[in-house]
N, C-alpha and C. Protein backbone atom coordinates (compact mmCIF):
# COMPACT_ATOMS: atom_id res chain seq x y z
N UNK A 1 67.66 75.07 12.27
CA UNK A 1 67.54 74.92 10.88
C UNK A 1 68.95 74.38 10.40
N UNK A 2 68.89 73.31 9.23
CA UNK A 2 70.10 72.73 8.58
C UNK A 2 70.38 73.35 7.48
N UNK A 3 71.76 73.65 7.07
CA UNK A 3 71.80 73.82 5.64
C UNK A 3 72.96 73.13 5.46
N UNK A 4 73.23 73.06 4.01
CA UNK A 4 74.46 72.39 3.88
C UNK A 4 75.09 73.08 2.42
N UNK A 5 76.77 73.06 2.53
CA UNK A 5 77.19 73.64 1.67
C UNK A 5 78.13 72.68 0.75
N UNK A 6 78.69 72.90 -0.27
CA UNK A 6 79.41 72.16 -0.94
C UNK A 6 80.81 72.27 -0.58
N UNK A 7 81.72 71.28 -0.70
CA UNK A 7 83.19 71.54 -0.19
C UNK A 7 84.33 70.89 -0.98
N UNK A 8 85.08 71.05 -1.23
CA UNK A 8 86.08 70.52 -1.55
C UNK A 8 87.10 69.96 -0.62
N UNK A 9 87.54 68.40 -0.87
CA UNK A 9 88.58 67.74 0.19
C UNK A 9 89.62 67.67 -0.41
N UNK A 10 91.18 68.45 0.31
CA UNK A 10 92.15 68.04 0.43
C UNK A 10 93.50 67.28 0.81
N UNK A 11 94.10 66.54 0.44
CA UNK A 11 94.78 65.84 0.92
C UNK A 11 96.29 66.04 0.99
N UNK A 12 97.08 66.54 1.95
CA UNK A 12 98.49 67.02 2.59
C UNK A 12 99.23 66.36 2.65
N UNK A 13 100.18 66.06 1.57
CA UNK A 13 101.32 65.19 1.98
C UNK A 13 103.22 66.05 2.02
N UNK A 14 103.74 64.93 2.58
CA UNK A 14 105.30 65.88 2.86
C UNK A 14 105.85 65.41 1.59
N UNK A 15 106.54 66.31 0.88
CA UNK A 15 107.72 66.02 0.06
C UNK A 15 108.94 66.58 0.58
N UNK A 16 110.13 65.82 -0.30
CA UNK A 16 111.50 66.39 0.06
C UNK A 16 111.51 67.69 -0.85
N UNK A 17 112.08 68.63 -0.38
CA UNK A 17 112.64 69.79 -0.81
C UNK A 17 113.83 69.53 -2.08
N UNK A 18 114.30 68.41 -1.84
CA UNK A 18 115.78 68.42 -2.82
C UNK A 18 115.15 67.61 -4.06
N UNK A 19 114.78 66.32 -3.56
CA UNK A 19 114.39 65.48 -4.69
C UNK A 19 112.83 65.46 -5.38
N UNK A 20 111.91 66.19 -4.48
CA UNK A 20 110.79 66.07 -4.75
C UNK A 20 109.76 64.33 -4.31
N UNK A 21 110.79 63.60 -3.56
CA UNK A 21 109.89 62.17 -3.51
C UNK A 21 109.19 62.47 -1.52
N UNK A 22 108.05 61.35 -1.95
CA UNK A 22 107.46 61.54 -0.84
C UNK A 22 108.09 61.28 0.35
N UNK A 23 108.18 62.27 1.94
CA UNK A 23 108.85 62.22 2.84
C UNK A 23 107.89 60.84 3.46
N UNK A 24 108.91 60.12 4.26
CA UNK A 24 108.47 58.91 5.28
C UNK A 24 108.79 59.19 6.80
N UNK A 25 107.79 58.51 7.66
CA UNK A 25 107.86 58.94 8.90
C UNK A 25 108.70 57.88 9.41
N UNK A 26 109.59 58.80 10.59
CA UNK A 26 110.52 58.03 11.22
C UNK A 26 109.49 56.91 11.94
N UNK A 27 109.06 57.04 12.89
CA UNK A 27 108.65 56.25 13.59
C UNK A 27 107.05 56.44 14.10
N UNK A 28 106.15 55.93 13.20
CA UNK A 28 104.84 56.14 13.32
C UNK A 28 104.33 56.25 14.90
N UNK A 29 103.37 57.20 15.10
CA UNK A 29 102.75 57.37 16.13
C UNK A 29 103.63 57.33 17.50
N UNK A 30 105.15 58.24 17.07
CA UNK A 30 105.89 58.79 18.02
C UNK A 30 105.62 60.70 17.90
N UNK A 31 105.57 60.89 18.85
CA UNK A 31 105.54 62.63 19.02
C UNK A 31 106.68 63.29 19.96
N UNK A 32 107.53 64.28 19.39
CA UNK A 32 108.32 64.80 20.17
C UNK A 32 107.40 65.92 21.19
N UNK A 33 107.58 65.73 22.50
CA UNK A 33 106.53 66.75 23.50
C UNK A 33 107.17 67.97 23.14
N UNK A 34 107.37 68.49 22.08
CA UNK A 34 107.63 70.25 22.27
C UNK A 34 106.22 71.04 21.96
N UNK A 35 106.56 72.36 22.55
CA UNK A 35 105.10 73.05 21.62
C UNK A 35 105.56 73.85 20.68
N UNK A 36 104.84 73.57 19.56
CA UNK A 36 104.00 72.55 19.31
C UNK A 36 104.70 71.22 19.04
N UNK A 37 103.78 70.31 19.14
CA UNK A 37 104.37 69.09 18.93
C UNK A 37 105.21 68.59 17.85
N UNK A 38 105.90 68.14 17.83
CA UNK A 38 106.68 67.62 16.10
C UNK A 38 107.08 66.14 16.04
N UNK A 39 107.04 66.24 14.71
CA UNK A 39 107.20 64.62 13.77
C UNK A 39 107.92 64.50 13.81
N UNK A 40 108.55 63.54 12.95
CA UNK A 40 109.84 63.30 12.31
C UNK A 40 109.81 62.38 11.09
N UNK A 41 110.55 63.19 10.22
CA UNK A 41 110.28 62.55 8.68
C UNK A 41 111.35 62.60 8.12
N UNK A 42 111.96 61.52 6.96
CA UNK A 42 113.14 61.94 6.44
C UNK A 42 112.80 61.15 4.77
N UNK A 43 113.53 61.38 4.10
CA UNK A 43 113.64 61.20 2.60
C UNK A 43 114.69 59.71 2.69
N UNK A 44 113.80 58.70 1.69
CA UNK A 44 114.28 57.32 1.31
C UNK A 44 115.25 57.21 -0.13
N UNK A 45 114.98 58.47 -1.00
CA UNK A 45 115.45 58.30 -2.01
C UNK A 45 117.06 58.17 -2.10
N UNK A 46 117.49 57.36 -2.55
CA UNK A 46 119.02 57.23 -2.34
C UNK A 46 120.03 58.03 -3.04
N UNK A 47 119.70 58.57 -3.95
CA UNK A 47 119.89 59.44 -4.61
C UNK A 47 119.96 61.01 -4.35
N UNK A 48 119.35 61.11 -3.28
CA UNK A 48 119.29 62.54 -2.71
C UNK A 48 120.09 62.81 -1.88
N UNK A 49 120.57 64.05 -1.78
CA UNK A 49 121.86 64.55 -0.76
C UNK A 49 121.23 64.68 0.59
N UNK A 50 119.75 64.54 0.80
CA UNK A 50 118.81 64.80 1.75
C UNK A 50 118.53 63.21 2.58
N UNK A 51 119.16 62.09 2.07
CA UNK A 51 118.85 60.59 2.13
C UNK A 51 118.92 60.48 3.74
N UNK A 52 117.90 60.09 4.53
CA UNK A 52 118.39 59.69 5.66
C UNK A 52 118.51 60.64 6.92
N UNK A 53 118.72 62.18 6.10
CA UNK A 53 118.65 63.26 7.30
C UNK A 53 117.10 63.25 7.32
N UNK A 54 116.87 63.54 9.08
CA UNK A 54 115.16 63.66 9.52
C UNK A 54 114.70 65.49 9.24
N UNK A 55 113.62 65.73 8.73
CA UNK A 55 112.90 66.80 8.84
C UNK A 55 111.89 66.73 10.26
N UNK A 56 111.48 67.61 10.77
CA UNK A 56 110.92 67.87 12.29
C UNK A 56 109.72 68.83 11.41
N UNK A 57 108.33 68.64 11.70
CA UNK A 57 107.25 69.38 11.33
C UNK A 57 106.36 69.55 12.37
N UNK A 58 105.54 70.27 12.87
CA UNK A 58 104.77 70.31 13.39
C UNK A 58 103.28 69.48 13.14
N UNK A 59 102.92 69.47 12.03
CA UNK A 59 102.12 68.73 10.91
C UNK A 59 102.26 67.02 11.04
N UNK A 60 101.13 66.09 11.34
CA UNK A 60 101.01 64.42 10.95
C UNK A 60 100.63 64.40 9.46
N UNK A 61 101.68 64.21 8.57
CA UNK A 61 101.03 63.91 7.45
C UNK A 61 100.96 62.10 7.08
N UNK A 62 99.94 62.19 6.25
CA UNK A 62 99.07 63.29 5.41
C UNK A 62 98.03 63.50 6.48
N UNK A 63 97.52 64.73 5.94
CA UNK A 63 96.33 65.31 6.73
C UNK A 63 95.26 66.02 5.64
N UNK A 64 94.23 65.94 5.75
CA UNK A 64 93.06 66.36 5.13
C UNK A 64 92.35 67.58 5.99
N UNK A 65 92.15 68.88 4.43
CA UNK A 65 91.56 70.08 5.06
C UNK A 65 90.39 69.83 3.83
N UNK A 66 89.47 70.87 4.25
CA UNK A 66 88.40 71.26 3.57
C UNK A 66 88.19 72.85 3.32
N UNK A 67 87.43 72.68 1.94
CA UNK A 67 87.54 74.48 1.45
C UNK A 67 86.04 74.15 1.01
N UNK A 68 85.54 75.51 1.31
CA UNK A 68 84.26 75.93 0.82
C UNK A 68 84.29 76.26 -0.61
N UNK A 69 83.34 75.83 -1.42
CA UNK A 69 83.16 76.29 -2.84
C UNK A 69 82.74 77.65 -2.98
């Protein structure tokens, strides 16, 4: 038997904690082989104090998740 449910779709993006601008991936498709794997991102806003400083995260952004209504 098949049943269906309505779900909401969410897209998650990474933003700079300092200025609120979206972070950019340093080298697309490059993963640090740690456990868990790490991805490198940085802020491109020239007015931000974190400009050019790398942030490491275990998520590859943007990513999508679904929530049942």
